[in-house]
Every structure is written in C-alpha cells, then in structure tokens.
Amino acid sequence: MKHSDILDSWKDISDYLERDVRTCRRWEAELELPVYRINENSTHSKVFAYRSEIDKWLKDKTSNKNTSKQYILVNKRILGVVIILSVLLISIIVLIMSDNLKSLLSQNQPTLAIFPFSNMNHQDYEEYFSQNIMNGMIRNISRTGKIRVIEVSSMADSDKDQKSPQQIARYLGADYMLVGKIEKQSQRFLISILL
C-alpha cells in the first residue's frame, strides 16, 4: 500500500468522509467502518485507515440500499416513539401538578408560561425534538381548560434576551413558569423540567 493511501487520524478519516469525527466513530461501532488501532486493546489508541478500504466500504454500503433504508427507518421509529412517550410523560406530570396547584390557588384560572426547552447538544434534529415536546405540552395542558397557557417563544427575541425567565413570566402575567432542558447522551435523552 502507498503511504498516500493511509489516513492516520480521526480528523483525516472524517475529512475524507466529509463527516464529523463523532459520526465516523459511530459508523465504526455500528456499521463496521474499517478503522485500525495501533493498540487494539485501547479505545484511546492512535487510529488509521486505508482510503481504498473506506472506498470499498462506502461502495458496499451504498449498493446495499435496503439495509440503509431499514437502518434509517428504525432510527425514525425510535425517535418518534421517544417523542410520543416524552410528551405523554411530561403532560401527565404537568396535569398532576396542575391539580395540586388548583387547590393552592384562588378561584381565578392560573396562568402557566412555557419556555422553549434548552437543547444542550445544539443539533438541528434535536432542536426539532425540543420544539415538538413543548408544542405537545402546550396542546395537552390547554385541553384541560384548567390552566391558561402562554407560549413564550411567541415573544420577540430582543425582549427575551434582556430579561430573565422570572421577569418574562411576570411581564406576561403568568402565575407559574415551566422551563426545561434536553440533552442527548449516546442513545438516551435526558429531560429536566422545572416548574
């Protein structure tokens, strides 16, 4: 093999595949991307790969479209199930809390300001996931008719940047506010909520 055929780091491999290093590592683990380690017993060892083997791997993967379509379909189904379960779980928690809040409040209908969930990983599809959770919560809480819901994302961005969530909730006349964050760790989503 020629020296020019060798990619001798994750950066070279990711540049060659035009993907980020994290994706290349995932492809190695899940799709058997041909990557070698100097010390095979260590996951932190220096890595290398051959361009010719990666080209052959790519050709095999693209010629087997059914496998890739199934892989993508399974991932979409898993993400859909996670979104549905998350929205249901969060809605149930908020509904239980709203019944407790009702007993503490006067006869007036309480107002809840729901803030967009912070996406800790900053991936576009995870931003979509965060938005869907917030929309599902707003829809499910509004259906009860017991709590008036204010969606904070409808405010102008310049107004939100200058104020804390508590100030925004008071400005909107909300009695309570709900904030949360979502973080993806490998194959799990961690959702934190504060009411």
C-alpha atoms as a PDB file:
ATOM      1  CA  MET A   1       0.000   0.000   0.000  1.00  0.00           C
ATOM      2  CA  LYS A   2       1.200   3.502  -0.754  1.00  0.00           C
ATOM      3  CA  HIS A   3       1.679   5.968   2.084  1.00  0.00           C
ATOM      4  CA  SER A   4      -0.797   8.319   0.367  1.00  0.00           C
ATOM      5  CA  ASP A   5      -3.442   5.611   0.797  1.00  0.00           C
ATOM      6  CA  ILE A   6      -3.219   5.896   4.608  1.00  0.00           C
ATOM      7  CA  LEU A   7      -5.432   8.206   6.693  1.00  0.00           C
ATOM      8  CA  ASP A   8      -3.625   8.424  10.027  1.00  0.00           C
ATOM      9  CA  SER A   9      -6.068  10.164  12.391  1.00  0.00           C
ATOM     10  CA  TRP A  10      -9.778  10.599  13.119  1.00  0.00           C
ATOM     11  CA  LYS A  11      -9.512  14.072  11.607  1.00  0.00           C
ATOM     12  CA  ASP A  12      -8.115  12.713   8.305  1.00  0.00           C
ATOM     13  CA  ILE A  13     -10.780   9.990   8.234  1.00  0.00           C
ATOM     14  CA  SER A  14     -13.597  12.457   8.956  1.00  0.00           C
ATOM     15  CA  ASP A  15     -12.260  14.923   6.342  1.00  0.00           C
ATOM     16  CA  TYR A  16     -12.091  12.118   3.774  1.00  0.00           C
ATOM     17  CA  LEU A  17     -15.680  11.046   4.508  1.00  0.00           C
ATOM     18  CA  GLU A  18     -16.845  14.682   4.831  1.00  0.00           C
ATOM     19  CA  ARG A  19     -18.424  13.917   8.198  1.00  0.00           C
ATOM     20  CA  ASP A  20     -17.607  14.921  11.782  1.00  0.00           C
ATOM     21  CA  VAL A  21     -15.402  12.716  13.965  1.00  0.00           C
ATOM     22  CA  ARG A  22     -18.327  11.697  16.171  1.00  0.00           C
ATOM     23  CA  THR A  23     -20.229  10.320  13.150  1.00  0.00           C
ATOM     24  CA  CYS A  24     -17.155   8.402  11.968  1.00  0.00           C
ATOM     25  CA  ARG A  25     -16.705   6.825  15.414  1.00  0.00           C
ATOM     26  CA  ARG A  26     -20.386   5.842  15.416  1.00  0.00           C
ATOM     27  CA  TRP A  27     -20.017   4.339  11.928  1.00  0.00           C
ATOM     28  CA  GLU A  28     -17.040   2.337  13.162  1.00  0.00           C
ATOM     29  CA  ALA A  29     -19.063   0.942  16.087  1.00  0.00           C
ATOM     30  CA  GLU A  30     -22.392   0.430  14.335  1.00  0.00           C
ATOM     31  CA  LEU A  31     -21.618  -0.026  10.635  1.00  0.00           C
ATOM     32  CA  GLU A  32     -18.110  -1.561  10.766  1.00  0.00           C
ATOM     33  CA  LEU A  33     -16.222   1.333   9.176  1.00  0.00           C
ATOM     34  CA  PRO A  34     -12.721  -0.151   8.577  1.00  0.00           C
ATOM     35  CA  VAL A  35     -10.558   1.672  11.119  1.00  0.00           C
ATOM     36  CA  TYR A  36      -7.466   0.192  12.777  1.00  0.00           C
ATOM     37  CA  ARG A  37      -5.797   0.998  16.088  1.00  0.00           C
ATOM     38  CA  ILE A  38      -2.090   0.856  16.907  1.00  0.00           C
ATOM     39  CA  ASN A  39      -3.039  -0.714  20.259  1.00  0.00           C
ATOM     40  CA  GLU A  40      -6.197  -2.761  19.704  1.00  0.00           C
ATOM     41  CA  ASN A  41      -6.775  -3.103  23.461  1.00  0.00           C
ATOM     42  CA  SER A  42      -7.212   0.646  23.957  1.00  0.00           C
ATOM     43  CA  THR A  43     -10.113   2.763  22.706  1.00  0.00           C
ATOM     44  CA  HIS A  44      -7.879   5.856  23.000  1.00  0.00           C
ATOM     45  CA  SER A  45      -5.105   4.453  20.785  1.00  0.00           C
ATOM     46  CA  LYS A  46      -3.950   6.226  17.615  1.00  0.00           C
ATOM     47  CA  VAL A  47      -6.078   5.176  14.636  1.00  0.00           C
ATOM     48  CA  PHE A  48      -5.517   4.792  10.920  1.00  0.00           C
ATOM     49  CA  ALA A  49      -7.463   3.651   7.880  1.00  0.00           C
ATOM     50  CA  TYR A  50      -6.843   2.910   4.229  1.00  0.00           C
ATOM     51  CA  ARG A  51      -8.584   5.041   1.613  1.00  0.00           C
ATOM     52  CA  SER A  52      -9.087   2.003  -0.631  1.00  0.00           C
ATOM     53  CA  GLU A  53     -10.838   0.073   2.172  1.00  0.00           C
ATOM     54  CA  ILE A  54     -13.047   3.046   3.034  1.00  0.00           C
ATOM     55  CA  ASP A  55     -13.950   3.441  -0.659  1.00  0.00           C
ATOM     56  CA  LYS A  56     -14.857  -0.261  -0.829  1.00  0.00           C
ATOM     57  CA  TRP A  57     -16.861   0.062   2.434  1.00  0.00           C
ATOM     58  CA  LEU A  58     -18.753   3.060   1.034  1.00  0.00           C
ATOM     59  CA  LYS A  59     -19.458   1.215  -2.213  1.00  0.00           C
ATOM     60  CA  ASP A  60     -20.764  -1.814  -0.278  1.00  0.00           C
ATOM     61  CA  LYS A  61     -22.947   0.369   1.953  1.00  0.00           C
ATOM     62  CA  THR A  62     -24.420   2.391  -0.907  1.00  0.00           C
ATOM     63  CA  SER A  63     -25.053  -0.713  -3.028  1.00  0.00           C
ATOM     64  CA  ASN A  64     -26.974  -2.240  -0.124  1.00  0.00           C
ATOM     65  CA  LYS A  65     -29.688   0.435  -0.024  1.00  0.00           C
ATOM     66  CA  ASN A  66     -32.236  -1.797   1.670  1.00  0.00           C
ATOM     67  CA  THR A  67     -30.037  -2.107   4.769  1.00  0.00           C
ATOM     68  CA  SER A  68     -29.531   1.664   4.958  1.00  0.00           C
ATOM     69  CA  LYS A  69     -33.235   2.345   4.454  1.00  0.00           C
ATOM     70  CA  GLN A  70     -34.084  -0.122   7.221  1.00  0.00           C
ATOM     71  CA  TYR A  71     -31.485   1.498   9.500  1.00  0.00           C
ATOM     72  CA  ILE A  72     -32.923   4.975   8.823  1.00  0.00           C
ATOM     73  CA  LEU A  73     -36.493   3.702   9.240  1.00  0.00           C
ATOM     74  CA  VAL A  74     -35.635   2.087  12.595  1.00  0.00           C
ATOM     75  CA  ASN A  75     -33.972   5.319  13.790  1.00  0.00           C
ATOM     76  CA  LYS A  76     -37.010   7.391  12.757  1.00  0.00           C
ATOM     77  CA  ARG A  77     -39.344   4.982  14.534  1.00  0.00           C
ATOM     78  CA  ILE A  78     -37.236   5.068  17.698  1.00  0.00           C
ATOM     79  CA  LEU A  79     -37.149   8.880  17.625  1.00  0.00           C
ATOM     80  CA  GLY A  80     -40.931   9.010  17.053  1.00  0.00           C
ATOM     81  CA  VAL A  81     -41.595   6.673  19.981  1.00  0.00           C
ATOM     82  CA  VAL A  82     -39.250   8.702  22.212  1.00  0.00           C
ATOM     83  CA  ILE A  83     -41.040  11.952  21.255  1.00  0.00           C
ATOM     84  CA  ILE A  84     -44.509  10.494  21.891  1.00  0.00           C
ATOM     85  CA  LEU A  85     -43.530   8.931  25.226  1.00  0.00           C
ATOM     86  CA  SER A  86     -41.760  12.111  26.350  1.00  0.00           C
ATOM     87  CA  VAL A  87     -44.760  14.318  25.517  1.00  0.00           C
ATOM     88  CA  LEU A  88     -47.131  11.932  27.312  1.00  0.00           C
ATOM     89  CA  LEU A  89     -44.906  11.686  30.384  1.00  0.00           C
ATOM     90  CA  ILE A  90     -44.393  15.434  30.637  1.00  0.00           C
ATOM     91  CA  SER A  91     -48.104  16.106  30.069  1.00  0.00           C
ATOM     92  CA  ILE A  92     -49.076  13.654  32.821  1.00  0.00           C
ATOM     93  CA  ILE A  93     -46.601  15.257  35.236  1.00  0.00           C
ATOM     94  CA  VAL A  94     -47.874  18.749  34.437  1.00  0.00           C
ATOM     95  CA  LEU A  95     -51.528  17.660  34.756  1.00  0.00           C
ATOM     96  CA  ILE A  96     -50.848  16.097  38.170  1.00  0.00           C
ATOM     97  CA  MET A  97     -49.062  19.260  39.246  1.00  0.00           C
ATOM     98  CA  SER A  98     -51.888  21.414  37.883  1.00  0.00           C
ATOM     99  CA  ASP A  99     -54.440  19.591  40.062  1.00  0.00           C
ATOM    100  CA  ASN A 100     -52.243  20.319  43.089  1.00  0.00           C
ATOM    101  CA  LEU A 101     -51.845  23.941  42.022  1.00  0.00           C
ATOM    102  CA  LYS A 102     -55.601  24.366  41.687  1.00  0.00           C
ATOM    103  CA  SER A 103     -56.134  23.627  45.378  1.00  0.00           C
ATOM    104  CA  LEU A 104     -53.476  26.196  46.319  1.00  0.00           C
ATOM    105  CA  LEU A 105     -54.798  28.988  44.121  1.00  0.00           C
ATOM    106  CA  SER A 106     -57.854  31.178  44.395  1.00  0.00           C
ATOM    107  CA  GLN A 107     -60.882  30.797  42.112  1.00  0.00           C
ATOM    108  CA  ASN A 108     -59.064  32.550  39.245  1.00  0.00           C
ATOM    109  CA  GLN A 109     -57.692  30.374  36.459  1.00  0.00           C
ATOM    110  CA  PRO A 110     -53.890  30.104  36.857  1.00  0.00           C
ATOM    111  CA  THR A 111     -51.588  31.053  34.013  1.00  0.00           C
ATOM    112  CA  LEU A 112     -48.551  28.975  33.036  1.00  0.00           C
ATOM    113  CA  ALA A 113     -45.740  30.355  30.850  1.00  0.00           C
ATOM    114  CA  ILE A 114     -43.980  27.543  28.995  1.00  0.00           C
ATOM    115  CA  PHE A 115     -40.474  28.378  27.827  1.00  0.00           C
ATOM    116  CA  PRO A 116     -38.740  26.591  24.936  1.00  0.00           C
ATOM    117  CA  PHE A 117     -36.669  23.678  26.191  1.00  0.00           C
ATOM    118  CA  SER A 118     -32.923  24.343  26.050  1.00  0.00           C
ATOM    119  CA  ASN A 119     -31.160  21.986  23.670  1.00  0.00           C
ATOM    120  CA  MET A 120     -27.821  21.180  25.300  1.00  0.00           C
ATOM    121  CA  ASN A 121     -26.355  19.410  22.218  1.00  0.00           C
ATOM    122  CA  HIS A 122     -27.275  22.076  19.628  1.00  0.00           C
ATOM    123  CA  GLN A 123     -28.145  19.571  16.857  1.00  0.00           C
ATOM    124  CA  ASP A 124     -30.830  20.637  14.365  1.00  0.00           C
ATOM    125  CA  TYR A 125     -32.896  17.462  14.678  1.00  0.00           C
ATOM    126  CA  GLU A 126     -32.697  17.712  18.477  1.00  0.00           C
ATOM    127  CA  GLU A 127     -33.944  21.317  18.244  1.00  0.00           C
ATOM    128  CA  TYR A 128     -36.936  19.914  16.329  1.00  0.00           C
ATOM    129  CA  PHE A 129     -37.371  17.318  19.109  1.00  0.00           C
ATOM    130  CA  SER A 130     -37.338  20.087  21.781  1.00  0.00           C
ATOM    131  CA  GLN A 131     -39.910  22.137  19.863  1.00  0.00           C
ATOM    132  CA  ASN A 132     -42.211  19.111  19.476  1.00  0.00           C
ATOM    133  CA  ILE A 133     -42.109  18.383  23.213  1.00  0.00           C
ATOM    134  CA  MET A 134     -43.017  21.999  24.013  1.00  0.00           C
ATOM    135  CA  ASN A 135     -45.845  22.033  21.424  1.00  0.00           C
ATOM    136  CA  GLY A 136     -47.241  18.744  22.754  1.00  0.00           C
ATOM    137  CA  MET A 137     -47.214  20.037  26.321  1.00  0.00           C
ATOM    138  CA  ILE A 138     -48.956  23.271  25.348  1.00  0.00           C
ATOM    139  CA  ARG A 139     -51.612  21.358  23.406  1.00  0.00           C
ATOM    140  CA  ASN A 140     -52.253  18.804  26.187  1.00  0.00           C
ATOM    141  CA  ILE A 141     -52.303  21.314  29.046  1.00  0.00           C
ATOM    142  CA  SER A 142     -54.579  23.703  27.120  1.00  0.00           C
ATOM    143  CA  ARG A 143     -57.064  20.873  26.514  1.00  0.00           C
ATOM    144  CA  THR A 144     -57.786  20.551  30.242  1.00  0.00           C
ATOM    145  CA  GLY A 145     -59.242  24.067  30.348  1.00  0.00           C
ATOM    146  CA  LYS A 146     -57.953  24.422  33.935  1.00  0.00           C
ATOM    147  CA  ILE A 147     -54.789  26.376  33.108  1.00  0.00           C
ATOM    148  CA  ARG A 148     -54.251  29.212  30.679  1.00  0.00           C
ATOM    149  CA  VAL A 149     -51.017  28.565  28.768  1.00  0.00           C
ATOM    150  CA  ILE A 150     -48.679  31.186  27.340  1.00  0.00           C
ATOM    151  CA  GLU A 151     -46.064  30.078  24.809  1.00  0.00           C
ATOM    152  CA  VAL A 152     -43.011  32.211  25.478  1.00  0.00           C
ATOM    153  CA  SER A 153     -41.448  31.602  22.063  1.00  0.00           C
ATOM    154  CA  SER A 154     -44.086  33.949  20.612  1.00  0.00           C
ATOM    155  CA  MET A 155     -42.301  36.922  22.235  1.00  0.00           C
ATOM    156  CA  ALA A 156     -39.821  38.983  20.245  1.00  0.00           C
ATOM    157  CA  ASP A 157     -36.249  37.658  20.680  1.00  0.00           C
ATOM    158  CA  SER A 158     -34.993  41.115  21.690  1.00  0.00           C
ATOM    159  CA  ASP A 159     -37.451  41.164  24.618  1.00  0.00           C
ATOM    160  CA  LYS A 160     -36.394  37.674  25.769  1.00  0.00           C
ATOM    161  CA  ASP A 161     -32.651  38.378  25.603  1.00  0.00           C
ATOM    162  CA  GLN A 162     -32.908  41.300  28.019  1.00  0.00           C
ATOM    163  CA  LYS A 163     -34.944  39.582  30.749  1.00  0.00           C
ATOM    164  CA  SER A 164     -34.676  36.541  32.996  1.00  0.00           C
ATOM    165  CA  PRO A 165     -37.365  33.811  32.738  1.00  0.00           C
ATOM    166  CA  GLN A 166     -38.929  35.085  36.014  1.00  0.00           C
ATOM    167  CA  GLN A 167     -39.126  38.625  34.643  1.00  0.00           C
ATOM    168  CA  ILE A 168     -40.635  37.383  31.384  1.00  0.00           C
ATOM    169  CA  ALA A 169     -43.251  35.313  33.283  1.00  0.00           C
ATOM    170  CA  ARG A 170     -44.195  38.351  35.420  1.00  0.00           C
ATOM    171  CA  TYR A 171     -44.279  40.577  32.324  1.00  0.00           C
ATOM    172  CA  LEU A 172     -46.702  38.141  30.652  1.00  0.00           C
ATOM    173  CA  GLY A 173     -48.861  37.939  33.791  1.00  0.00           C
ATOM    174  CA  ALA A 174     -48.109  34.265  34.383  1.00  0.00           C
ATOM    175  CA  ASP A 175     -48.566  32.768  37.843  1.00  0.00           C
ATOM    176  CA  TYR A 176     -46.158  29.923  37.099  1.00  0.00           C
ATOM    177  CA  MET A 177     -43.481  29.120  34.572  1.00  0.00           C
ATOM    178  CA  LEU A 178     -42.157  25.866  33.172  1.00  0.00           C
ATOM    179  CA  VAL A 179     -38.590  25.610  31.887  1.00  0.00           C
ATOM    180  CA  GLY A 180     -36.633  22.578  30.843  1.00  0.00           C
ATOM    181  CA  LYS A 181     -33.627  21.260  29.048  1.00  0.00           C
ATOM    182  CA  ILE A 182     -32.940  18.264  26.844  1.00  0.00           C
ATOM    183  CA  GLU A 183     -29.606  16.529  26.491  1.00  0.00           C
ATOM    184  CA  LYS A 184     -28.787  13.513  24.358  1.00  0.00           C
ATOM    185  CA  GLN A 185     -26.250  11.092  25.808  1.00  0.00           C
ATOM    186  CA  SER A 186     -25.427   8.300  23.331  1.00  0.00           C
ATOM    187  CA  GLN A 187     -28.810   6.584  22.742  1.00  0.00           C
ATOM    188  CA  ARG A 188     -30.723   8.234  25.645  1.00  0.00           C
ATOM    189  CA  PHE A 189     -32.416  11.605  26.041  1.00  0.00           C
ATOM    190  CA  LEU A 190     -32.279  13.284  29.459  1.00  0.00           C
ATOM    191  CA  ILE A 191     -35.152  15.700  30.035  1.00  0.00           C
ATOM    192  CA  SER A 192     -35.075  18.061  33.028  1.00  0.00           C
ATOM    193  CA  ILE A 193     -38.141  20.131  33.955  1.00  0.00           C
ATOM    194  CA  LEU A 194     -38.538  22.903  36.491  1.00  0.00           C
ATOM    195  CA  LEU A 195     -41.999  24.276  37.371  1.00  0.00           C
END
